[in-house]
Amino acid sequence: MIQYEGNDLNLIARLFGIVLMISIISCKEEVQAPPSDLIPESDFVGIMVDLNIIEATRSMHASKEQKLETHPSIFYRQLWDDYEVTEAQFERSFDFYRKDLEHMSTIYERAAEILKRKEDDINAAKKALKALGASAQDTLE
């Protein structure tokens, strides 16, 4: 699992907005049959969550002028392996889902909710650790 900080999720939300705007701006094409290897929506949402975490991590390192020790392509390969899909399969599924803007919007909303829960969990854990540290400090005094 990719490590990230709660503050990085704000960047993820911005990335979501950009991708959503691009999806909305793109033309609505005629209805087409789903690809034979369409990624199920629940897995697709998970992939979108993880992709946004990867991109936020990359962006965070770039903005802090830090270099990732691992080449970004390794993160993507691991993602495809974790979900047992190929990059081409993801692209076909993305193309299919993005043609129905309402459906794609729902996918992004679900992914954003998951990211928000992750952020809340991280913030709660930080608060608990801070409180635990204060308790430990009080005990030492």
N, C-alpha and C. Protein backbone atom coordinates (compact mmCIF):
# COMPACT_ATOMS: atom_id res chain seq x y z
N MET A 1 0.84 -1.17 0.00
CA MET A 1 0.00 0.00 0.00
C MET A 1 0.89 1.24 0.00
N ILE A 2 0.47 2.23 -0.66
CA ILE A 2 1.22 3.46 -0.81
C ILE A 2 1.05 4.31 0.44
N GLN A 3 2.16 4.88 0.95
CA GLN A 3 2.11 5.75 2.11
C GLN A 3 1.86 7.18 1.66
N TYR A 4 1.00 7.87 2.36
CA TYR A 4 0.72 9.26 2.04
C TYR A 4 0.28 9.96 3.31
N GLU A 5 0.29 11.29 3.29
CA GLU A 5 -0.11 12.07 4.44
C GLU A 5 -1.49 12.65 4.20
N GLY A 6 -2.20 12.94 5.27
CA GLY A 6 -3.54 13.48 5.17
C GLY A 6 -3.61 14.75 4.34
N ASN A 7 -2.61 15.62 4.47
CA ASN A 7 -2.62 16.87 3.72
C ASN A 7 -2.51 16.63 2.22
N ASP A 8 -1.94 15.52 1.84
CA ASP A 8 -1.78 15.21 0.43
C ASP A 8 -3.12 14.93 -0.23
N LEU A 9 -4.14 14.62 0.56
CA LEU A 9 -5.44 14.32 -0.02
C LEU A 9 -6.10 15.57 -0.60
N ASN A 10 -5.70 16.75 -0.13
CA ASN A 10 -6.21 17.98 -0.76
C ASN A 10 -5.74 18.04 -2.20
N LEU A 11 -4.51 17.64 -2.44
CA LEU A 11 -3.98 17.61 -3.79
C LEU A 11 -4.74 16.58 -4.62
N ILE A 12 -5.07 15.47 -4.01
CA ILE A 12 -5.82 14.43 -4.70
C ILE A 12 -7.18 14.98 -5.13
N ALA A 13 -7.82 15.74 -4.25
CA ALA A 13 -9.13 16.32 -4.58
C ALA A 13 -9.00 17.25 -5.78
N ARG A 14 -7.91 18.03 -5.83
CA ARG A 14 -7.70 18.91 -6.97
C ARG A 14 -7.50 18.11 -8.24
N LEU A 15 -6.73 17.01 -8.14
CA LEU A 15 -6.52 16.15 -9.30
C LEU A 15 -7.85 15.57 -9.78
N PHE A 16 -8.69 15.17 -8.84
CA PHE A 16 -10.01 14.66 -9.19
C PHE A 16 -10.78 15.70 -9.98
N GLY A 17 -10.74 16.93 -9.51
CA GLY A 17 -11.45 18.01 -10.19
C GLY A 17 -10.98 18.19 -11.61
N ILE A 18 -9.67 18.12 -11.81
CA ILE A 18 -9.12 18.28 -13.16
C ILE A 18 -9.59 17.16 -14.07
N VAL A 19 -9.48 15.93 -13.58
CA VAL A 19 -9.90 14.78 -14.39
C VAL A 19 -11.39 14.84 -14.67
N LEU A 20 -12.17 15.25 -13.68
CA LEU A 20 -13.62 15.36 -13.86
C LEU A 20 -13.94 16.42 -14.91
N MET A 21 -13.24 17.55 -14.87
CA MET A 21 -13.47 18.61 -15.85
C MET A 21 -13.13 18.11 -17.26
N ILE A 22 -12.04 17.39 -17.37
CA ILE A 22 -11.66 16.85 -18.68
C ILE A 22 -12.73 15.90 -19.18
N SER A 23 -13.24 15.07 -18.28
CA SER A 23 -14.29 14.13 -18.67
C SER A 23 -15.55 14.85 -19.11
N ILE A 24 -15.91 15.92 -18.41
CA ILE A 24 -17.11 16.67 -18.75
C ILE A 24 -16.95 17.39 -20.08
N ILE A 25 -15.75 17.93 -20.30
CA ILE A 25 -15.49 18.68 -21.53
C ILE A 25 -15.48 17.76 -22.75
N SER A 26 -15.01 16.53 -22.56
CA SER A 26 -14.94 15.62 -23.70
C SER A 26 -16.33 15.36 -24.26
N CYS A 27 -16.41 15.16 -25.55
CA CYS A 27 -17.71 14.98 -26.20
C CYS A 27 -18.39 13.70 -25.73
N LYS A 28 -19.69 13.79 -25.66
CA LYS A 28 -20.46 12.59 -25.34
C LYS A 28 -20.69 11.85 -26.65
N GLU A 29 -20.14 10.67 -26.72
CA GLU A 29 -20.22 9.90 -27.95
C GLU A 29 -21.40 8.94 -27.89
N GLU A 30 -21.70 8.31 -29.03
CA GLU A 30 -22.80 7.37 -29.09
C GLU A 30 -22.56 6.21 -28.13
N VAL A 31 -23.65 5.62 -27.69
CA VAL A 31 -23.57 4.52 -26.75
C VAL A 31 -22.89 3.34 -27.43
N GLN A 32 -21.99 2.76 -26.73
CA GLN A 32 -21.27 1.61 -27.29
C GLN A 32 -21.34 0.45 -26.31
N ALA A 33 -21.12 -0.71 -26.83
CA ALA A 33 -21.12 -1.90 -25.98
C ALA A 33 -19.87 -1.87 -25.12
N PRO A 34 -19.97 -2.37 -23.89
CA PRO A 34 -18.79 -2.40 -23.03
C PRO A 34 -17.74 -3.35 -23.59
N PRO A 35 -16.46 -3.05 -23.33
CA PRO A 35 -15.43 -3.98 -23.80
C PRO A 35 -15.60 -5.33 -23.10
N SER A 36 -15.15 -6.36 -23.75
CA SER A 36 -15.31 -7.71 -23.19
C SER A 36 -14.56 -7.88 -21.87
N ASP A 37 -13.53 -7.07 -21.68
CA ASP A 37 -12.74 -7.18 -20.45
C ASP A 37 -12.96 -5.97 -19.53
N LEU A 38 -14.17 -5.43 -19.55
CA LEU A 38 -14.51 -4.26 -18.73
C LEU A 38 -14.20 -4.54 -17.26
N ILE A 39 -13.50 -3.62 -16.63
CA ILE A 39 -13.20 -3.74 -15.20
C ILE A 39 -14.48 -3.44 -14.43
N PRO A 40 -14.88 -4.32 -13.51
CA PRO A 40 -16.09 -4.07 -12.73
C PRO A 40 -15.99 -2.72 -12.01
N GLU A 41 -17.12 -2.06 -11.87
CA GLU A 41 -17.13 -0.71 -11.30
C GLU A 41 -16.46 -0.64 -9.93
N SER A 42 -16.72 -1.61 -9.07
CA SER A 42 -16.12 -1.56 -7.73
C SER A 42 -14.60 -1.59 -7.80
N ASP A 43 -14.05 -2.43 -8.67
CA ASP A 43 -12.60 -2.46 -8.85
C ASP A 43 -12.10 -1.17 -9.51
N PHE A 44 -12.88 -0.65 -10.45
CA PHE A 44 -12.50 0.57 -11.14
C PHE A 44 -12.40 1.73 -10.15
N VAL A 45 -13.34 1.80 -9.22
CA VAL A 45 -13.30 2.85 -8.19
C VAL A 45 -12.02 2.70 -7.37
N GLY A 46 -11.70 1.48 -6.97
CA GLY A 46 -10.47 1.24 -6.21
C GLY A 46 -9.23 1.64 -6.98
N ILE A 47 -9.22 1.34 -8.25
CA ILE A 47 -8.09 1.73 -9.09
C ILE A 47 -7.97 3.26 -9.16
N MET A 48 -9.12 3.93 -9.31
CA MET A 48 -9.10 5.39 -9.36
C MET A 48 -8.57 5.99 -8.06
N VAL A 49 -8.94 5.41 -6.94
CA VAL A 49 -8.43 5.86 -5.64
C VAL A 49 -6.91 5.71 -5.61
N ASP A 50 -6.43 4.52 -5.95
CA ASP A 50 -4.99 4.26 -5.90
C ASP A 50 -4.22 5.10 -6.92
N LEU A 51 -4.79 5.30 -8.10
CA LEU A 51 -4.13 6.15 -9.09
C LEU A 51 -3.97 7.58 -8.57
N ASN A 52 -4.99 8.08 -7.92
CA ASN A 52 -4.91 9.43 -7.38
C ASN A 52 -3.89 9.53 -6.25
N ILE A 53 -3.76 8.49 -5.46
CA ILE A 53 -2.74 8.47 -4.41
C ILE A 53 -1.35 8.45 -5.04
N ILE A 54 -1.17 7.65 -6.08
CA ILE A 54 0.12 7.61 -6.78
C ILE A 54 0.46 8.98 -7.33
N GLU A 55 -0.50 9.60 -8.00
CA GLU A 55 -0.24 10.91 -8.60
C GLU A 55 0.02 11.98 -7.54
N ALA A 56 -0.71 11.92 -6.43
CA ALA A 56 -0.47 12.88 -5.35
C ALA A 56 0.91 12.69 -4.75
N THR A 57 1.32 11.45 -4.60
CA THR A 57 2.65 11.16 -4.07
C THR A 57 3.72 11.69 -5.01
N ARG A 58 3.55 11.45 -6.29
CA ARG A 58 4.52 11.96 -7.27
C ARG A 58 4.56 13.48 -7.24
N SER A 59 3.40 14.10 -7.19
CA SER A 59 3.32 15.55 -7.19
C SER A 59 3.93 16.12 -5.92
N MET A 60 3.68 15.47 -4.79
CA MET A 60 4.23 15.93 -3.52
C MET A 60 5.76 15.91 -3.57
N HIS A 61 6.32 14.85 -4.10
CA HIS A 61 7.77 14.75 -4.18
C HIS A 61 8.32 15.78 -5.15
N ALA A 62 7.61 16.03 -6.23
CA ALA A 62 8.07 17.02 -7.21
C ALA A 62 8.02 18.42 -6.61
N SER A 63 6.95 18.71 -5.85
CA SER A 63 6.83 20.05 -5.27
C SER A 63 7.82 20.27 -4.14
N LYS A 64 8.24 19.22 -3.50
CA LYS A 64 9.23 19.34 -2.42
C LYS A 64 10.65 19.16 -2.96
N GLU A 65 10.76 19.10 -4.27
CA GLU A 65 12.05 18.91 -4.93
C GLU A 65 12.77 17.67 -4.41
N GLN A 66 11.99 16.66 -4.11
CA GLN A 66 12.54 15.38 -3.69
C GLN A 66 12.43 14.42 -4.86
N LYS A 67 13.32 13.52 -4.91
CA LYS A 67 13.27 12.53 -5.97
C LYS A 67 12.76 11.22 -5.39
N LEU A 68 11.80 10.63 -6.08
CA LEU A 68 11.31 9.32 -5.65
C LEU A 68 12.43 8.31 -5.81
N GLU A 69 12.58 7.46 -4.81
CA GLU A 69 13.61 6.44 -4.88
C GLU A 69 13.21 5.32 -5.85
N THR A 70 11.93 5.21 -6.09
CA THR A 70 11.42 4.18 -6.98
C THR A 70 10.84 4.84 -8.22
N HIS A 71 11.13 4.28 -9.38
CA HIS A 71 10.59 4.85 -10.61
C HIS A 71 9.07 4.70 -10.60
N PRO A 72 8.36 5.77 -10.99
CA PRO A 72 6.89 5.74 -10.93
C PRO A 72 6.24 4.57 -11.66
N SER A 73 6.85 4.09 -12.74
CA SER A 73 6.25 2.99 -13.48
C SER A 73 6.09 1.74 -12.61
N ILE A 74 6.92 1.62 -11.60
CA ILE A 74 6.81 0.46 -10.70
C ILE A 74 5.51 0.54 -9.91
N PHE A 75 5.11 1.75 -9.50
CA PHE A 75 3.84 1.91 -8.79
C PHE A 75 2.67 1.48 -9.67
N TYR A 76 2.72 1.88 -10.94
CA TYR A 76 1.63 1.53 -11.85
C TYR A 76 1.60 0.03 -12.11
N ARG A 77 2.76 -0.56 -12.34
CA ARG A 77 2.79 -2.02 -12.56
C ARG A 77 2.24 -2.75 -11.35
N GLN A 78 2.60 -2.29 -10.15
CA GLN A 78 2.09 -2.92 -8.94
C GLN A 78 0.57 -2.76 -8.84
N LEU A 79 0.08 -1.58 -9.22
CA LEU A 79 -1.36 -1.34 -9.21
C LEU A 79 -2.07 -2.30 -10.15
N TRP A 80 -1.56 -2.42 -11.39
CA TRP A 80 -2.19 -3.33 -12.35
C TRP A 80 -2.15 -4.76 -11.82
N ASP A 81 -1.03 -5.16 -11.22
CA ASP A 81 -0.91 -6.51 -10.66
C ASP A 81 -1.89 -6.72 -9.50
N ASP A 82 -2.00 -5.71 -8.63
CA ASP A 82 -2.89 -5.84 -7.47
C ASP A 82 -4.34 -6.07 -7.90
N TYR A 83 -4.75 -5.41 -8.97
CA TYR A 83 -6.13 -5.55 -9.44
C TYR A 83 -6.28 -6.60 -10.55
N GLU A 84 -5.16 -7.21 -10.92
CA GLU A 84 -5.14 -8.24 -11.96
C GLU A 84 -5.74 -7.73 -13.27
N VAL A 85 -5.28 -6.54 -13.68
CA VAL A 85 -5.70 -5.92 -14.94
C VAL A 85 -4.45 -5.46 -15.67
N THR A 86 -4.63 -5.11 -16.93
CA THR A 86 -3.54 -4.53 -17.70
C THR A 86 -3.81 -3.04 -17.87
N GLU A 87 -2.77 -2.31 -18.23
CA GLU A 87 -2.94 -0.89 -18.48
C GLU A 87 -3.92 -0.67 -19.64
N ALA A 88 -3.78 -1.49 -20.68
CA ALA A 88 -4.69 -1.39 -21.84
C ALA A 88 -6.13 -1.67 -21.43
N GLN A 89 -6.33 -2.65 -20.56
CA GLN A 89 -7.67 -2.96 -20.08
C GLN A 89 -8.23 -1.78 -19.29
N PHE A 90 -7.40 -1.15 -18.47
CA PHE A 90 -7.85 0.03 -17.73
C PHE A 90 -8.24 1.14 -18.69
N GLU A 91 -7.43 1.37 -19.71
CA GLU A 91 -7.73 2.43 -20.67
C GLU A 91 -9.04 2.17 -21.41
N ARG A 92 -9.28 0.92 -21.80
CA ARG A 92 -10.55 0.59 -22.47
C ARG A 92 -11.73 0.81 -21.52
N SER A 93 -11.55 0.40 -20.27
CA SER A 93 -12.62 0.57 -19.28
C SER A 93 -12.85 2.05 -19.00
N PHE A 94 -11.78 2.81 -18.87
CA PHE A 94 -11.90 4.25 -18.63
C PHE A 94 -12.64 4.91 -19.79
N ASP A 95 -12.26 4.55 -21.01
CA ASP A 95 -12.93 5.12 -22.19
C ASP A 95 -14.42 4.79 -22.18
N PHE A 96 -14.75 3.58 -21.78
CA PHE A 96 -16.16 3.18 -21.74
C PHE A 96 -16.92 3.97 -20.66
N TYR A 97 -16.38 4.00 -19.44
CA TYR A 97 -17.06 4.67 -18.33
C TYR A 97 -17.17 6.18 -18.57
N ARG A 98 -16.17 6.78 -19.14
CA ARG A 98 -16.17 8.25 -19.29
C ARG A 98 -17.21 8.73 -20.30
N LYS A 99 -17.70 7.86 -21.13
CA LYS A 99 -18.70 8.26 -22.13
C LYS A 99 -20.07 8.47 -21.52
N ASP A 100 -20.26 7.97 -20.31
CA ASP A 100 -21.51 8.21 -19.57
C ASP A 100 -21.13 9.12 -18.40
N LEU A 101 -21.31 10.43 -18.60
CA LEU A 101 -20.83 11.41 -17.63
C LEU A 101 -21.46 11.24 -16.25
N GLU A 102 -22.73 10.90 -16.21
CA GLU A 102 -23.38 10.69 -14.91
C GLU A 102 -22.76 9.50 -14.18
N HIS A 103 -22.51 8.44 -14.91
CA HIS A 103 -21.92 7.25 -14.31
C HIS A 103 -20.49 7.56 -13.85
N MET A 104 -19.73 8.25 -14.69
CA MET A 104 -18.35 8.59 -14.34
C MET A 104 -18.33 9.53 -13.13
N SER A 105 -19.28 10.43 -13.06
CA SER A 105 -19.37 11.33 -11.91
C SER A 105 -19.62 10.53 -10.64
N THR A 106 -20.47 9.52 -10.72
CA THR A 106 -20.74 8.66 -9.57
C THR A 106 -19.47 7.91 -9.15
N ILE A 107 -18.72 7.44 -10.12
CA ILE A 107 -17.47 6.74 -9.83
C ILE A 107 -16.52 7.68 -9.09
N TYR A 108 -16.38 8.92 -9.58
CA TYR A 108 -15.49 9.89 -8.93
C TYR A 108 -15.98 10.24 -7.52
N GLU A 109 -17.29 10.36 -7.36
CA GLU A 109 -17.83 10.65 -6.03
C GLU A 109 -17.51 9.53 -5.05
N ARG A 110 -17.68 8.29 -5.50
CA ARG A 110 -17.36 7.14 -4.63
C ARG A 110 -15.88 7.13 -4.27
N ALA A 111 -15.04 7.40 -5.26
CA ALA A 111 -13.59 7.43 -5.01
C ALA A 111 -13.25 8.56 -4.05
N ALA A 112 -13.86 9.72 -4.23
CA ALA A 112 -13.60 10.87 -3.34
C ALA A 112 -14.04 10.56 -1.91
N GLU A 113 -15.16 9.84 -1.76
CA GLU A 113 -15.62 9.46 -0.42
C GLU A 113 -14.59 8.53 0.25
N ILE A 114 -14.06 7.60 -0.50
CA ILE A 114 -13.05 6.69 0.05
C ILE A 114 -11.82 7.47 0.46
N LEU A 115 -11.38 8.39 -0.40
CA LEU A 115 -10.21 9.20 -0.07
C LEU A 115 -10.46 10.06 1.17
N LYS A 116 -11.65 10.59 1.30
CA LYS A 116 -11.99 11.39 2.48
C LYS A 116 -11.94 10.53 3.74
N ARG A 117 -12.48 9.32 3.66
CA ARG A 117 -12.42 8.42 4.82
C ARG A 117 -10.98 8.11 5.19
N LYS A 118 -10.14 7.89 4.17
CA LYS A 118 -8.72 7.63 4.43
C LYS A 118 -8.08 8.83 5.12
N GLU A 119 -8.39 10.02 4.64
CA GLU A 119 -7.85 11.23 5.25
C GLU A 119 -8.32 11.35 6.70
N ASP A 120 -9.60 11.10 6.95
CA ASP A 120 -10.14 11.17 8.31
C ASP A 120 -9.44 10.15 9.21
N ASP A 121 -9.22 8.94 8.70
CA ASP A 121 -8.53 7.90 9.48
C ASP A 121 -7.11 8.33 9.83
N ILE A 122 -6.42 8.92 8.85
CA ILE A 122 -5.04 9.38 9.08
C ILE A 122 -5.03 10.48 10.13
N ASN A 123 -5.94 11.43 9.99
CA ASN A 123 -5.99 12.54 10.96
C ASN A 123 -6.32 12.04 12.36
N ALA A 124 -7.23 11.07 12.46
CA ALA A 124 -7.58 10.50 13.77
C ALA A 124 -6.38 9.76 14.37
N ALA A 125 -5.65 9.04 13.53
CA ALA A 125 -4.47 8.31 14.01
C ALA A 125 -3.39 9.30 14.46
N LYS A 126 -3.20 10.37 13.72
CA LYS A 126 -2.22 11.40 14.12
C LYS A 126 -2.61 12.02 15.46
N LYS A 127 -3.90 12.31 15.61
CA LYS A 127 -4.39 12.90 16.85
C LYS A 127 -4.17 11.93 18.02
N ALA A 128 -4.47 10.65 17.79
CA ALA A 128 -4.28 9.64 18.84
C ALA A 128 -2.81 9.51 19.20
N LEU A 129 -1.94 9.52 18.19
CA LEU A 129 -0.50 9.42 18.46
C LEU A 129 0.00 10.65 19.21
N LYS A 130 -0.52 11.80 18.84
CA LYS A 130 -0.12 13.03 19.52
C LYS A 130 -0.56 12.97 20.98
N ALA A 131 -1.80 12.52 21.21
CA ALA A 131 -2.31 12.39 22.57
C ALA A 131 -1.51 11.35 23.35
N LEU A 132 -1.18 10.27 22.69
CA LEU A 132 -0.38 9.22 23.34
C LEU A 132 0.99 9.76 23.70
N GLY A 133 1.57 10.54 22.79
CA GLY A 133 2.88 11.15 23.07
C GLY A 133 2.80 12.10 24.24
N ALA A 134 1.72 12.88 24.32
CA ALA A 134 1.53 13.80 25.44
C ALA A 134 1.36 13.01 26.73
N SER A 135 0.62 11.91 26.69
CA SER A 135 0.43 11.06 27.87
C SER A 135 1.75 10.48 28.32
N ALA A 136 2.52 10.01 27.37
CA ALA A 136 3.82 9.42 27.69
C ALA A 136 4.73 10.48 28.29
N GLN A 137 4.69 11.69 27.76
CA GLN A 137 5.51 12.78 28.28
C GLN A 137 5.09 13.13 29.70
N ASP A 138 3.76 13.16 29.94
CA ASP A 138 3.27 13.44 31.30
C ASP A 138 3.73 12.38 32.28
N THR A 139 3.74 11.13 31.84
CA THR A 139 4.16 10.03 32.69
C THR A 139 5.64 10.15 33.03
N LEU A 140 6.44 10.56 32.05
CA LEU A 140 7.87 10.71 32.29
C LEU A 140 8.18 11.85 33.24
N GLU A 141 7.36 12.86 33.26
CA GLU A 141 7.61 14.01 34.13
C GLU A 141 7.18 13.66 35.50
